[in-house]
Amino acid sequence: AILEKYPVKDDYVLDKGELNSSNRVYYHMPVIKRTAFDNDENY
C-alpha cells in the first residue's frame, strides 16, 4: 500500500536494513529544503 501510494524513485528511498545495518525499515520521503525564497513561516 505504501509503495503504491508513494512509488520508489529518486526522491523516495527504501532502506530495508541495507543502509542502516539493523532490523529496522526506513522509507525516506522527499527532503524538504529551505530555499532562498523561504522565510521561517513558509518553510
PDB file of all heavy atoms in Angstrom:
ATOM      1  N   ALA A   1       0.824  -1.213   0.000  1.00  0.00           N
ATOM      2  CA  ALA A   1       0.000   0.000   0.000  1.00  0.00           C
ATOM      3  C   ALA A   1       0.854   1.257   0.000  1.00  0.00           C
ATOM      4  O   ALA A   1       0.540   2.250  -0.684  1.00  0.00           O
ATOM      5  CB  ALA A   1      -0.926  -0.014   1.220  1.00  0.00           C
ATOM      6  N   ILE A   2       1.951   1.239   0.747  1.00  0.00           N
ATOM      7  CA  ILE A   2       2.824   2.425   0.807  1.00  0.00           C
ATOM      8  C   ILE A   2       3.489   2.656  -0.547  1.00  0.00           C
ATOM      9  O   ILE A   2       3.527   3.788  -1.058  1.00  0.00           O
ATOM     10  CB  ILE A   2       3.874   2.260   1.919  1.00  0.00           C
ATOM     11  CG1 ILE A   2       3.209   2.364   3.299  1.00  0.00           C
ATOM     12  CG2 ILE A   2       4.972   3.321   1.785  1.00  0.00           C
ATOM     13  CD1 ILE A   2       4.143   2.125   4.461  1.00  0.00           C
ATOM     14  N   LEU A   3       4.004   1.584  -1.161  1.00  0.00           N
ATOM     15  CA  LEU A   3       4.706   1.752  -2.432  1.00  0.00           C
ATOM     16  C   LEU A   3       3.753   2.059  -3.584  1.00  0.00           C
ATOM     17  O   LEU A   3       4.160   2.643  -4.587  1.00  0.00           O
ATOM     18  CB  LEU A   3       5.522   0.488  -2.741  1.00  0.00           C
ATOM     19  CG  LEU A   3       6.638   0.165  -1.740  1.00  0.00           C
ATOM     20  CD1 LEU A   3       7.448  -1.024  -2.199  1.00  0.00           C
ATOM     21  CD2 LEU A   3       7.542   1.366  -1.501  1.00  0.00           C
ATOM     22  N   GLU A   4       2.501   1.658  -3.432  1.00  0.00           N
ATOM     23  CA  GLU A   4       1.511   2.047  -4.438  1.00  0.00           C
ATOM     24  C   GLU A   4       1.208   3.536  -4.348  1.00  0.00           C
ATOM     25  O   GLU A   4       1.068   4.231  -5.355  1.00  0.00           O
ATOM     26  CB  GLU A   4       0.229   1.238  -4.245  1.00  0.00           C
ATOM     27  CG  GLU A   4      -0.848   1.544  -5.288  1.00  0.00           C
ATOM     28  CD  GLU A   4      -2.106   0.717  -5.090  1.00  0.00           C
ATOM     29  OE1 GLU A   4      -2.083  -0.219  -4.259  1.00  0.00           O
ATOM     30  OE2 GLU A   4      -3.112   1.019  -5.756  1.00  0.00           O
ATOM     31  N   LYS A   5       1.103   4.039  -3.111  1.00  0.00           N
ATOM     32  CA  LYS A   5       0.821   5.460  -2.911  1.00  0.00           C
ATOM     33  C   LYS A   5       2.045   6.318  -3.210  1.00  0.00           C
ATOM     34  O   LYS A   5       1.951   7.388  -3.831  1.00  0.00           O
ATOM     35  CB  LYS A   5       0.366   5.681  -1.459  1.00  0.00           C
ATOM     36  CG  LYS A   5       0.125   7.117  -1.067  1.00  0.00           C
ATOM     37  CD  LYS A   5      -1.114   7.701  -1.715  1.00  0.00           C
ATOM     38  CE  LYS A   5      -1.423   9.083  -1.171  1.00  0.00           C
ATOM     39  NZ  LYS A   5      -2.620   9.681  -1.823  1.00  0.00           N
ATOM     40  N   TYR A   6       3.216   5.850  -2.773  1.00  0.00           N
ATOM     41  CA  TYR A   6       4.459   6.602  -2.951  1.00  0.00           C
ATOM     42  C   TYR A   6       5.504   5.671  -3.578  1.00  0.00           C
ATOM     43  O   TYR A   6       6.331   5.099  -2.873  1.00  0.00           O
ATOM     44  CB  TYR A   6       4.975   7.135  -1.610  1.00  0.00           C
ATOM     45  CG  TYR A   6       4.005   8.048  -0.887  1.00  0.00           C
ATOM     46  CD1 TYR A   6       3.318   7.609   0.245  1.00  0.00           C
ATOM     47  CD2 TYR A   6       3.777   9.346  -1.334  1.00  0.00           C
ATOM     48  CE1 TYR A   6       2.429   8.446   0.916  1.00  0.00           C
ATOM     49  CE2 TYR A   6       2.898  10.194  -0.671  1.00  0.00           C
ATOM     50  CZ  TYR A   6       2.224   9.732   0.449  1.00  0.00           C
ATOM     51  OH  TYR A   6       1.350  10.564   1.108  1.00  0.00           O
ATOM     52  N   PRO A   7       5.482   5.507  -4.891  1.00  0.00           N
ATOM     53  CA  PRO A   7       6.403   4.566  -5.551  1.00  0.00           C
ATOM     54  C   PRO A   7       7.862   4.968  -5.349  1.00  0.00           C
ATOM     55  O   PRO A   7       8.197   6.161  -5.240  1.00  0.00           O
ATOM     56  CB  PRO A   7       6.015   4.674  -7.031  1.00  0.00           C
ATOM     57  CG  PRO A   7       4.641   5.261  -7.037  1.00  0.00           C
ATOM     58  CD  PRO A   7       4.571   6.163  -5.848  1.00  0.00           C
ATOM     59  N   VAL A   8       8.718   3.957  -5.300  1.00  0.00           N
ATOM     60  CA  VAL A   8      10.154   4.209  -5.167  1.00  0.00           C
ATOM     61  C   VAL A   8      10.665   4.909  -6.420  1.00  0.00           C
ATOM     62  O   VAL A   8      10.446   4.452  -7.534  1.00  0.00           O
ATOM     63  CB  VAL A   8      10.922   2.884  -4.966  1.00  0.00           C
ATOM     64  CG1 VAL A   8      12.432   3.152  -4.945  1.00  0.00           C
ATOM     65  CG2 VAL A   8      10.489   2.201  -3.677  1.00  0.00           C
ATOM     66  N   LYS A   9      11.332   6.019  -6.224  1.00  0.00           N
ATOM     67  CA  LYS A   9      12.002   6.749  -7.301  1.00  0.00           C
ATOM     68  C   LYS A   9      13.093   7.594  -6.668  1.00  0.00           C
ATOM     69  O   LYS A   9      13.427   7.405  -5.485  1.00  0.00           O
ATOM     70  CB  LYS A   9      11.007   7.593  -8.099  1.00  0.00           C
ATOM     71  CG  LYS A   9      10.086   8.472  -7.274  1.00  0.00           C
ATOM     72  CD  LYS A   9       9.022   9.117  -8.163  1.00  0.00           C
ATOM     73  CE  LYS A   9       8.038   9.925  -7.317  1.00  0.00           C
ATOM     74  NZ  LYS A   9       6.965  10.513  -8.142  1.00  0.00           N
ATOM     75  N   ASP A  10      13.650   8.532  -7.429  1.00  0.00           N
ATOM     76  CA  ASP A  10      14.826   9.262  -6.956  1.00  0.00           C
ATOM     77  C   ASP A  10      14.612   9.914  -5.595  1.00  0.00           C
ATOM     78  O   ASP A  10      15.504   9.900  -4.750  1.00  0.00           O
ATOM     79  CB  ASP A  10      15.217  10.331  -7.982  1.00  0.00           C
ATOM     80  CG  ASP A  10      15.763   9.717  -9.262  1.00  0.00           C
ATOM     81  OD1 ASP A  10      16.126   8.532  -9.214  1.00  0.00           O
ATOM     82  OD2 ASP A  10      15.804  10.410 -10.288  1.00  0.00           O
ATOM     83  N   ASP A  11      13.433  10.497  -5.393  1.00  0.00           N
ATOM     84  CA  ASP A  11      13.193  11.236  -4.156  1.00  0.00           C
ATOM     85  C   ASP A  11      12.662  10.357  -3.024  1.00  0.00           C
ATOM     86  O   ASP A  11      12.494  10.831  -1.896  1.00  0.00           O
ATOM     87  CB  ASP A  11      12.205  12.377  -4.408  1.00  0.00           C
ATOM     88  CG  ASP A  11      12.787  13.448  -5.319  1.00  0.00           C
ATOM     89  OD1 ASP A  11      14.024  13.554  -5.363  1.00  0.00           O
ATOM     90  OD2 ASP A  11      12.012  14.160  -5.983  1.00  0.00           O
ATOM     91  N   TYR A  12      12.382   9.098  -3.318  1.00  0.00           N
ATOM     92  CA  TYR A  12      11.866   8.179  -2.310  1.00  0.00           C
ATOM     93  C   TYR A  12      12.859   7.027  -2.179  1.00  0.00           C
ATOM     94  O   TYR A  12      13.132   6.327  -3.148  1.00  0.00           O
ATOM     95  CB  TYR A  12      10.491   7.632  -2.710  1.00  0.00           C
ATOM     96  CG  TYR A  12       9.411   8.684  -2.780  1.00  0.00           C
ATOM     97  CD1 TYR A  12       9.249   9.471  -3.920  1.00  0.00           C
ATOM     98  CD2 TYR A  12       8.546   8.893  -1.709  1.00  0.00           C
ATOM     99  CE1 TYR A  12       8.250  10.438  -3.996  1.00  0.00           C
ATOM    100  CE2 TYR A  12       7.540   9.858  -1.775  1.00  0.00           C
ATOM    101  CZ  TYR A  12       7.405  10.631  -2.919  1.00  0.00           C
ATOM    102  OH  TYR A  12       6.417  11.590  -2.984  1.00  0.00           O
ATOM    103  N   VAL A  13      13.380   6.816  -0.978  1.00  0.00           N
ATOM    104  CA  VAL A  13      14.438   5.830  -0.773  1.00  0.00           C
ATOM    105  C   VAL A  13      13.984   4.811   0.259  1.00  0.00           C
ATOM    106  O   VAL A  13      13.709   5.148   1.418  1.00  0.00           O
ATOM    107  CB  VAL A  13      15.747   6.500  -0.298  1.00  0.00           C
ATOM    108  CG1 VAL A  13      16.832   5.443  -0.069  1.00  0.00           C
ATOM    109  CG2 VAL A  13      16.203   7.540  -1.308  1.00  0.00           C
ATOM    110  N   LEU A  14      13.923   3.541  -0.147  1.00  0.00           N
ATOM    111  CA  LEU A  14      13.533   2.459   0.745  1.00  0.00           C
ATOM    112  C   LEU A  14      14.783   1.770   1.276  1.00  0.00           C
ATOM    113  O   LEU A  14      15.632   1.318   0.510  1.00  0.00           O
ATOM    114  CB  LEU A  14      12.655   1.442  -0.003  1.00  0.00           C
ATOM    115  CG  LEU A  14      12.205   0.214   0.791  1.00  0.00           C
ATOM    116  CD1 LEU A  14      11.424   0.605   2.031  1.00  0.00           C
ATOM    117  CD2 LEU A  14      11.390  -0.722  -0.098  1.00  0.00           C
ATOM    118  N   ASP A  15      14.875   1.691   2.584  1.00  0.00           N
ATOM    119  CA  ASP A  15      16.038   1.072   3.245  1.00  0.00           C
ATOM    120  C   ASP A  15      15.554  -0.056   4.138  1.00  0.00           C
ATOM    121  O   ASP A  15      15.037   0.174   5.225  1.00  0.00           O
ATOM    122  CB  ASP A  15      16.793   2.127   4.055  1.00  0.00           C
ATOM    123  CG  ASP A  15      17.965   1.533   4.827  1.00  0.00           C
ATOM    124  OD1 ASP A  15      18.315   0.368   4.571  1.00  0.00           O
ATOM    125  OD2 ASP A  15      18.521   2.229   5.688  1.00  0.00           O
ATOM    126  N   LYS A  16      15.730  -1.282   3.666  1.00  0.00           N
ATOM    127  CA  LYS A  16      15.350  -2.459   4.460  1.00  0.00           C
ATOM    128  C   LYS A  16      16.566  -3.039   5.181  1.00  0.00           C
ATOM    129  O   LYS A  16      16.820  -4.230   5.161  1.00  0.00           O
ATOM    130  CB  LYS A  16      14.741  -3.536   3.557  1.00  0.00           C
ATOM    131  CG  LYS A  16      13.405  -3.184   2.946  1.00  0.00           C
ATOM    132  CD  LYS A  16      12.875  -4.393   2.148  1.00  0.00           C
ATOM    133  CE  LYS A  16      11.533  -4.122   1.550  1.00  0.00           C
ATOM    134  NZ  LYS A  16      11.029  -5.304   0.780  1.00  0.00           N
ATOM    135  N   GLY A  17      17.315  -2.181   5.824  1.00  0.00           N
ATOM    136  CA  GLY A  17      18.483  -2.635   6.577  1.00  0.00           C
ATOM    137  C   GLY A  17      19.774  -2.564   5.794  1.00  0.00           C
ATOM    138  O   GLY A  17      20.853  -2.688   6.377  1.00  0.00           O
ATOM    139  N   GLU A  18      19.693  -2.353   4.461  1.00  0.00           N
ATOM    140  CA  GLU A  18      20.922  -2.308   3.672  1.00  0.00           C
ATOM    141  C   GLU A  18      21.772  -1.100   4.034  1.00  0.00           C
ATOM    142  O   GLU A  18      23.004  -1.179   4.045  1.00  0.00           O
ATOM    143  CB  GLU A  18      20.604  -2.264   2.170  1.00  0.00           C
ATOM    144  CG  GLU A  18      19.810  -3.444   1.643  1.00  0.00           C
ATOM    145  CD  GLU A  18      18.307  -3.210   1.677  1.00  0.00           C
ATOM    146  OE1 GLU A  18      17.871  -2.214   2.315  1.00  0.00           O
ATOM    147  OE2 GLU A  18      17.582  -3.998   1.076  1.00  0.00           O
ATOM    148  N   LEU A  19      21.119   0.019   4.321  1.00  0.00           N
ATOM    149  CA  LEU A  19      21.847   1.253   4.619  1.00  0.00           C
ATOM    150  C   LEU A  19      22.021   1.477   6.112  1.00  0.00           C
ATOM    151  O   LEU A  19      23.012   2.065   6.546  1.00  0.00           O
ATOM    152  CB  LEU A  19      21.113   2.458   4.009  1.00  0.00           C
ATOM    153  CG  LEU A  19      20.887   2.410   2.494  1.00  0.00           C
ATOM    154  CD1 LEU A  19      20.096   3.624   2.030  1.00  0.00           C
ATOM    155  CD2 LEU A  19      22.214   2.333   1.749  1.00  0.00           C
ATOM    156  N   ASN A  20      21.058   1.018   6.911  1.00  0.00           N
ATOM    157  CA  ASN A  20      21.130   1.293   8.348  1.00  0.00           C
ATOM    158  C   ASN A  20      21.691   0.132   9.148  1.00  0.00           C
ATOM    159  O   ASN A  20      21.882   0.239  10.358  1.00  0.00           O
ATOM    160  CB  ASN A  20      19.742   1.674   8.883  1.00  0.00           C
ATOM    161  CG  ASN A  20      18.737   0.537   8.789  1.00  0.00           C
ATOM    162  OD1 ASN A  20      18.745  -0.381   9.616  1.00  0.00           O
ATOM    163  ND2 ASN A  20      17.847   0.576   7.800  1.00  0.00           N
ATOM    164  N   SER A  21      21.952  -1.017   8.500  1.00  0.00           N
ATOM    165  CA  SER A  21      22.575  -2.179   9.156  1.00  0.00           C
ATOM    166  C   SER A  21      21.849  -2.567  10.434  1.00  0.00           C
ATOM    167  O   SER A  21      22.454  -2.769  11.483  1.00  0.00           O
ATOM    168  CB  SER A  21      24.049  -1.887   9.465  1.00  0.00           C
ATOM    169  OG  SER A  21      24.749  -1.573   8.286  1.00  0.00           O
ATOM    170  N   SER A  22      20.529  -2.641  10.356  1.00  0.00           N
ATOM    171  CA  SER A  22      19.738  -3.045  11.514  1.00  0.00           C
ATOM    172  C   SER A  22      18.516  -3.799  11.025  1.00  0.00           C
ATOM    173  O   SER A  22      18.347  -4.044   9.829  1.00  0.00           O
ATOM    174  CB  SER A  22      19.313  -1.826  12.339  1.00  0.00           C
ATOM    175  OG  SER A  22      18.289  -1.112  11.670  1.00  0.00           O
ATOM    176  N   ASN A  23      17.660  -4.174  11.949  1.00  0.00           N
ATOM    177  CA  ASN A  23      16.423  -4.880  11.610  1.00  0.00           C
ATOM    178  C   ASN A  23      15.282  -3.916  11.324  1.00  0.00           C
ATOM    179  O   ASN A  23      14.147  -4.330  11.107  1.00  0.00           O
ATOM    180  CB  ASN A  23      16.039  -5.832  12.762  1.00  0.00           C
ATOM    181  CG  ASN A  23      14.948  -6.794  12.370  1.00  0.00           C
ATOM    182  OD1 ASN A  23      14.951  -7.324  11.254  1.00  0.00           O
ATOM    183  ND2 ASN A  23      13.997  -7.024  13.268  1.00  0.00           N
ATOM    184  N   ARG A  24      15.566  -2.623  11.327  1.00  0.00           N
ATOM    185  CA  ARG A  24      14.528  -1.619  11.074  1.00  0.00           C
ATOM    186  C   ARG A  24      14.387  -1.360   9.584  1.00  0.00           C
ATOM    187  O   ARG A  24      15.305  -1.586   8.788  1.00  0.00           O
ATOM    188  CB  ARG A  24      14.857  -0.313  11.788  1.00  0.00           C
ATOM    189  CG  ARG A  24      14.805  -0.410  13.306  1.00  0.00           C
ATOM    190  CD  ARG A  24      14.924   0.939  13.957  1.00  0.00           C
ATOM    191  NE  ARG A  24      13.813   1.826  13.601  1.00  0.00           N
ATOM    192  CZ  ARG A  24      13.619   3.021  14.149  1.00  0.00           C
ATOM    193  NH1 ARG A  24      14.454   3.472  15.068  1.00  0.00           N
ATOM    194  NH2 ARG A  24      12.591   3.771  13.792  1.00  0.00           N
ATOM    195  N   VAL A  25      13.212  -0.837   9.211  1.00  0.00           N
ATOM    196  CA  VAL A  25      12.953  -0.395   7.839  1.00  0.00           C
ATOM    197  C   VAL A  25      12.659   1.098   7.862  1.00  0.00           C
ATOM    198  O   VAL A  25      11.911   1.573   8.724  1.00  0.00           O
ATOM    199  CB  VAL A  25      11.764  -1.152   7.212  1.00  0.00           C
ATOM    200  CG1 VAL A  25      11.444  -0.594   5.827  1.00  0.00           C
ATOM    201  CG2 VAL A  25      12.065  -2.644   7.128  1.00  0.00           C
ATOM    202  N   TYR A  26      13.266   1.818   6.923  1.00  0.00           N
ATOM    203  CA  TYR A  26      13.007   3.248   6.774  1.00  0.00           C
ATOM    204  C   TYR A  26      12.595   3.512   5.325  1.00  0.00           C
ATOM    205  O   TYR A  26      13.262   3.054   4.393  1.00  0.00           O
ATOM    206  CB  TYR A  26      14.264   4.074   7.076  1.00  0.00           C
ATOM    207  CG  TYR A  26      14.786   3.947   8.484  1.00  0.00           C
ATOM    208  CD1 TYR A  26      15.774   3.007   8.794  1.00  0.00           C
ATOM    209  CD2 TYR A  26      14.334   4.775   9.502  1.00  0.00           C
ATOM    210  CE1 TYR A  26      16.278   2.892  10.078  1.00  0.00           C
ATOM    211  CE2 TYR A  26      14.826   4.672  10.793  1.00  0.00           C
ATOM    212  CZ  TYR A  26      15.795   3.723  11.077  1.00  0.00           C
ATOM    213  OH  TYR A  26      16.280   3.611  12.345  1.00  0.00           O
ATOM    214  N   TYR A  27      11.499   4.243   5.159  1.00  0.00           N
ATOM    215  CA  TYR A  27      11.128   4.700   3.818  1.00  0.00           C
ATOM    216  C   TYR A  27      11.209   6.219   3.823  1.00  0.00           C
ATOM    217  O   TYR A  27      10.347   6.913   4.373  1.00  0.00           O
ATOM    218  CB  TYR A  27       9.729   4.233   3.431  1.00  0.00           C
ATOM    219  CG  TYR A  27       9.454   4.417   1.953  1.00  0.00           C
ATOM    220  CD1 TYR A  27      10.457   4.194   1.011  1.00  0.00           C
ATOM    221  CD2 TYR A  27       8.211   4.815   1.486  1.00  0.00           C
ATOM    222  CE1 TYR A  27      10.223   4.356  -0.344  1.00  0.00           C
ATOM    223  CE2 TYR A  27       7.960   4.980   0.127  1.00  0.00           C
ATOM    224  CZ  TYR A  27       8.973   4.747  -0.789  1.00  0.00           C
ATOM    225  OH  TYR A  27       8.753   4.906  -2.134  1.00  0.00           O
ATOM    226  N   HIS A  28      12.274   6.727   3.224  1.00  0.00           N
ATOM    227  CA  HIS A  28      12.565   8.168   3.251  1.00  0.00           C
ATOM    228  C   HIS A  28      11.737   8.891   2.192  1.00  0.00           C
ATOM    229  O   HIS A  28      11.790   8.559   1.002  1.00  0.00           O
ATOM    230  CB  HIS A  28      14.053   8.410   3.000  1.00  0.00           C
ATOM    231  CG  HIS A  28      14.939   7.815   4.050  1.00  0.00           C
ATOM    232  ND1 HIS A  28      15.316   8.501   5.169  1.00  0.00           N
ATOM    233  CD2 HIS A  28      15.497   6.582   4.144  1.00  0.00           C
ATOM    234  CE1 HIS A  28      16.087   7.734   5.924  1.00  0.00           C
ATOM    235  NE2 HIS A  28      16.215   6.560   5.326  1.00  0.00           N
ATOM    236  N   MET A  29      11.012   9.902   2.642  1.00  0.00           N
ATOM    237  CA  MET A  29      10.203  10.724   1.741  1.00  0.00           C
ATOM    238  C   MET A  29      11.070  11.861   1.192  1.00  0.00           C
ATOM    239  O   MET A  29      12.178  12.108   1.683  1.00  0.00           O
ATOM    240  CB  MET A  29       8.993  11.279   2.490  1.00  0.00           C
ATOM    241  CG  MET A  29       8.249  10.238   3.342  1.00  0.00           C
ATOM    242  SD  MET A  29       7.873   8.710   2.458  1.00  0.00           S
ATOM    243  CE  MET A  29       6.512   9.261   1.451  1.00  0.00           C
ATOM    244  N   PRO A  30      10.607  12.573   0.165  1.00  0.00           N
ATOM    245  CA  PRO A  30      11.423  13.668  -0.401  1.00  0.00           C
ATOM    246  C   PRO A  30      11.829  14.687   0.667  1.00  0.00           C
ATOM    247  O   PRO A  30      11.022  15.091   1.514  1.00  0.00           O
ATOM    248  CB  PRO A  30      10.496  14.297  -1.440  1.00  0.00           C
ATOM    249  CG  PRO A  30       9.564  13.196  -1.831  1.00  0.00           C
ATOM    250  CD  PRO A  30       9.349  12.391  -0.578  1.00  0.00           C
ATOM    251  N   VAL A  31      13.093  15.078   0.617  1.00  0.00           N
ATOM    252  CA  VAL A  31      13.634  16.033   1.579  1.00  0.00           C
ATOM    253  C   VAL A  31      13.021  17.413   1.335  1.00  0.00           C
ATOM    254  O   VAL A  31      12.873  17.853   0.194  1.00  0.00           O
ATOM    255  CB  VAL A  31      15.167  16.112   1.453  1.00  0.00           C
ATOM    256  CG1 VAL A  31      15.730  17.203   2.361  1.00  0.00           C
ATOM    257  CG2 VAL A  31      15.787  14.761   1.770  1.00  0.00           C
ATOM    258  N   ILE A  32      12.647  18.078   2.424  1.00  0.00           N
ATOM    259  CA  ILE A  32      12.119  19.444   2.337  1.00  0.00           C
ATOM    260  C   ILE A  32      13.284  20.400   2.568  1.00  0.00           C
ATOM    261  O   ILE A  32      13.841  20.471   3.667  1.00  0.00           O
ATOM    262  CB  ILE A  32      11.016  19.684   3.389  1.00  0.00           C
ATOM    263  CG1 ILE A  32       9.921  18.627   3.246  1.00  0.00           C
ATOM    264  CG2 ILE A  32      10.445  21.087   3.263  1.00  0.00           C
ATOM    265  CD1 ILE A  32       8.928  18.628   4.394  1.00  0.00           C
ATOM    266  N   LYS A  33      13.670  21.122   1.531  1.00  0.00           N
ATOM    267  CA  LYS A  33      14.830  22.001   1.612  1.00  0.00           C
ATOM    268  C   LYS A  33      14.397  23.458   1.708  1.00  0.00           C
ATOM    269  O   LYS A  33      13.467  23.876   1.026  1.00  0.00           O
ATOM    270  CB  LYS A  33      15.725  21.811   0.389  1.00  0.00           C
ATOM    271  CG  LYS A  33      16.296  20.407   0.262  1.00  0.00           C
ATOM    272  CD  LYS A  33      17.218  20.293  -0.933  1.00  0.00           C
ATOM    273  CE  LYS A  33      17.807  18.898  -1.030  1.00  0.00           C
ATOM    274  NZ  LYS A  33      18.728  18.761  -2.194  1.00  0.00           N
ATOM    275  N   ARG A  34      15.085  24.166   2.553  1.00  0.00           N
ATOM    276  CA  ARG A  34      14.811  25.601   2.669  1.00  0.00           C
ATOM    277  C   ARG A  34      15.474  26.328   1.510  1.00  0.00           C
ATOM    278  O   ARG A  34      16.692  26.224   1.312  1.00  0.00           O
ATOM    279  CB  ARG A  34      15.330  26.134   3.998  1.00  0.00           C
ATOM    280  CG  ARG A  34      15.053  27.618   4.176  1.00  0.00           C
ATOM    281  CD  ARG A  34      15.208  28.035   5.612  1.00  0.00           C
ATOM    282  NE  ARG A  34      14.832  29.434   5.792  1.00  0.00           N
ATOM    283  CZ  ARG A  34      14.499  29.965   6.969  1.00  0.00           C
ATOM    284  NH1 ARG A  34      14.484  29.207   8.054  1.00  0.00           N
ATOM    285  NH2 ARG A  34      14.166  31.224   7.062  1.00  0.00           N
ATOM    286  N   THR A  35      14.699  27.075   0.753  1.00  0.00           N
ATOM    287  CA  THR A  35      15.238  27.814  -0.389  1.00  0.00           C
ATOM    288  C   THR A  35      15.523  29.259  -0.008  1.00  0.00           C
ATOM    289  O   THR A  35      15.150  29.720   1.087  1.00  0.00           O
ATOM    290  CB  THR A  35      14.241  27.793  -1.558  1.00  0.00           C
ATOM    291  OG1 THR A  35      13.112  28.609  -1.222  1.00  0.00           O
ATOM    292  CG2 THR A  35      13.791  26.370  -1.868  1.00  0.00           C
ATOM    293  N   ALA A  36      16.132  29.963  -0.929  1.00  0.00           N
ATOM    294  CA  ALA A  36      16.448  31.377  -0.692  1.00  0.00           C
ATOM    295  C   ALA A  36      15.194  32.224  -0.596  1.00  0.00           C
ATOM    296  O   ALA A  36      15.228  33.345  -0.063  1.00  0.00           O
ATOM    297  CB  ALA A  36      17.353  31.897  -1.806  1.00  0.00           C
ATOM    298  N   PHE A  37      14.073  31.713  -1.107  1.00  0.00           N
ATOM    299  CA  PHE A  37      12.821  32.477  -1.105  1.00  0.00           C
ATOM    300  C   PHE A  37      11.961  32.190   0.129  1.00  0.00           C
ATOM    301  O   PHE A  37      10.924  32.815   0.321  1.00  0.00           O
ATOM    302  CB  PHE A  37      12.014  32.154  -2.365  1.00  0.00           C
ATOM    303  CG  PHE A  37      12.782  32.388  -3.641  1.00  0.00           C
ATOM    304  CD1 PHE A  37      13.335  31.336  -4.342  1.00  0.00           C
ATOM    305  CD2 PHE A  37      12.970  33.680  -4.116  1.00  0.00           C
ATOM    306  CE1 PHE A  37      14.049  31.558  -5.502  1.00  0.00           C
ATOM    307  CE2 PHE A  37      13.673  33.914  -5.283  1.00  0.00           C
ATOM    308  CZ  PHE A  37      14.226  32.841  -5.982  1.00  0.00           C
ATOM    309  N   ASP A  38      12.388  31.229   0.949  1.00  0.00           N
ATOM    310  CA  ASP A  38      11.603  30.853   2.123  1.00  0.00           C
ATOM    311  C   ASP A  38      11.971  31.709   3.326  1.00  0.00           C
ATOM    312  O   ASP A  38      13.161  31.883   3.628  1.00  0.00           O
ATOM    313  CB  ASP A  38      11.845  29.384   2.486  1.00  0.00           C
ATOM    314  CG  ASP A  38      11.161  28.423   1.531  1.00  0.00           C
ATOM    315  OD1 ASP A  38      10.089  28.777   1.028  1.00  0.00           O
ATOM    316  OD2 ASP A  38      11.705  27.327   1.304  1.00  0.00           O
ATOM    317  N   ASN A  39      10.962  32.219   4.016  1.00  0.00           N
ATOM    318  CA  ASN A  39      11.193  32.727   5.361  1.00  0.00           C
ATOM    319  C   ASN A  39      10.803  31.617   6.331  1.00  0.00           C
ATOM    320  O   ASN A  39      10.371  30.534   5.928  1.00  0.00           O
ATOM    321  CB  ASN A  39      10.403  34.014   5.619  1.00  0.00           C
ATOM    322  CG  ASN A  39       8.907  33.813   5.385  1.00  0.00           C
ATOM    323  OD1 ASN A  39       8.362  32.723   5.609  1.00  0.00           O
ATOM    324  ND2 ASN A  39       8.216  34.871   4.935  1.00  0.00           N
ATOM    325  N   ASP A  40      10.959  31.875   7.631  1.00  0.00           N
ATOM    326  CA  ASP A  40      10.669  30.830   8.612  1.00  0.00           C
ATOM    327  C   ASP A  40       9.239  30.312   8.477  1.00  0.00           C
ATOM    328  O   ASP A  40       8.993  29.096   8.494  1.00  0.00           O
ATOM    329  CB  ASP A  40      10.886  31.370  10.035  1.00  0.00           C
ATOM    330  CG  ASP A  40      12.351  31.544  10.364  1.00  0.00           C
ATOM    331  OD1 ASP A  40      13.191  31.057   9.584  1.00  0.00           O
ATOM    332  OD2 ASP A  40      12.653  32.163  11.405  1.00  0.00           O
ATOM    333  N   GLU A  41       8.290  31.211   8.310  1.00  0.00           N
ATOM    334  CA  GLU A  41       6.885  30.819   8.278  1.00  0.00           C
ATOM    335  C   GLU A  41       6.591  29.907   7.089  1.00  0.00           C
ATOM    336  O   GLU A  41       5.946  28.864   7.225  1.00  0.00           O
ATOM    337  CB  GLU A  41       5.991  32.063   8.241  1.00  0.00           C
ATOM    338  CG  GLU A  41       4.504  31.738   8.308  1.00  0.00           C
ATOM    339  CD  GLU A  41       3.644  32.989   8.340  1.00  0.00           C
ATOM    340  OE1 GLU A  41       4.203  34.104   8.330  1.00  0.00           O
ATOM    341  OE2 GLU A  41       2.403  32.845   8.396  1.00  0.00           O
ATOM    342  N   ASN A  42       7.069  30.288   5.919  1.00  0.00           N
ATOM    343  CA  ASN A  42       6.839  29.469   4.729  1.00  0.00           C
ATOM    344  C   ASN A  42       7.452  28.083   4.875  1.00  0.00           C
ATOM    345  O   ASN A  42       6.841  27.062   4.531  1.00  0.00           O
ATOM    346  CB  ASN A  42       7.431  30.146   3.482  1.00  0.00           C
ATOM    347  CG  ASN A  42       6.730  31.437   3.140  1.00  0.00           C
ATOM    348  OD1 ASN A  42       5.597  31.667   3.546  1.00  0.00           O
ATOM    349  ND2 ASN A  42       7.413  32.298   2.389  1.00  0.00           N
ATOM    350  N   TYR A  43       8.698  28.070   5.344  1.00  0.00           N
ATOM    351  CA  TYR A  43       9.444  26.815   5.468  1.00  0.00           C
ATOM    352  C   TYR A  43       8.758  25.871   6.445  1.00  0.00           C
ATOM    353  O   TYR A  43       8.515  24.687   6.145  1.00  0.00           O
ATOM    354  CB  TYR A  43      10.873  27.130   5.912  1.00  0.00           C
ATOM    355  CG  TYR A  43      11.800  25.945   6.018  1.00  0.00           C
ATOM    356  CD1 TYR A  43      11.811  24.941   5.060  1.00  0.00           C
ATOM    357  CD2 TYR A  43      12.702  25.853   7.082  1.00  0.00           C
ATOM    358  CE1 TYR A  43      12.692  23.877   5.158  1.00  0.00           C
ATOM    359  CE2 TYR A  43      13.581  24.798   7.187  1.00  0.00           C
ATOM    360  CZ  TYR A  43      13.583  23.805   6.222  1.00  0.00           C
ATOM    361  OH  TYR A  43      14.451  22.753   6.320  1.00  0.00           O
TER     362      TYR A  43
END
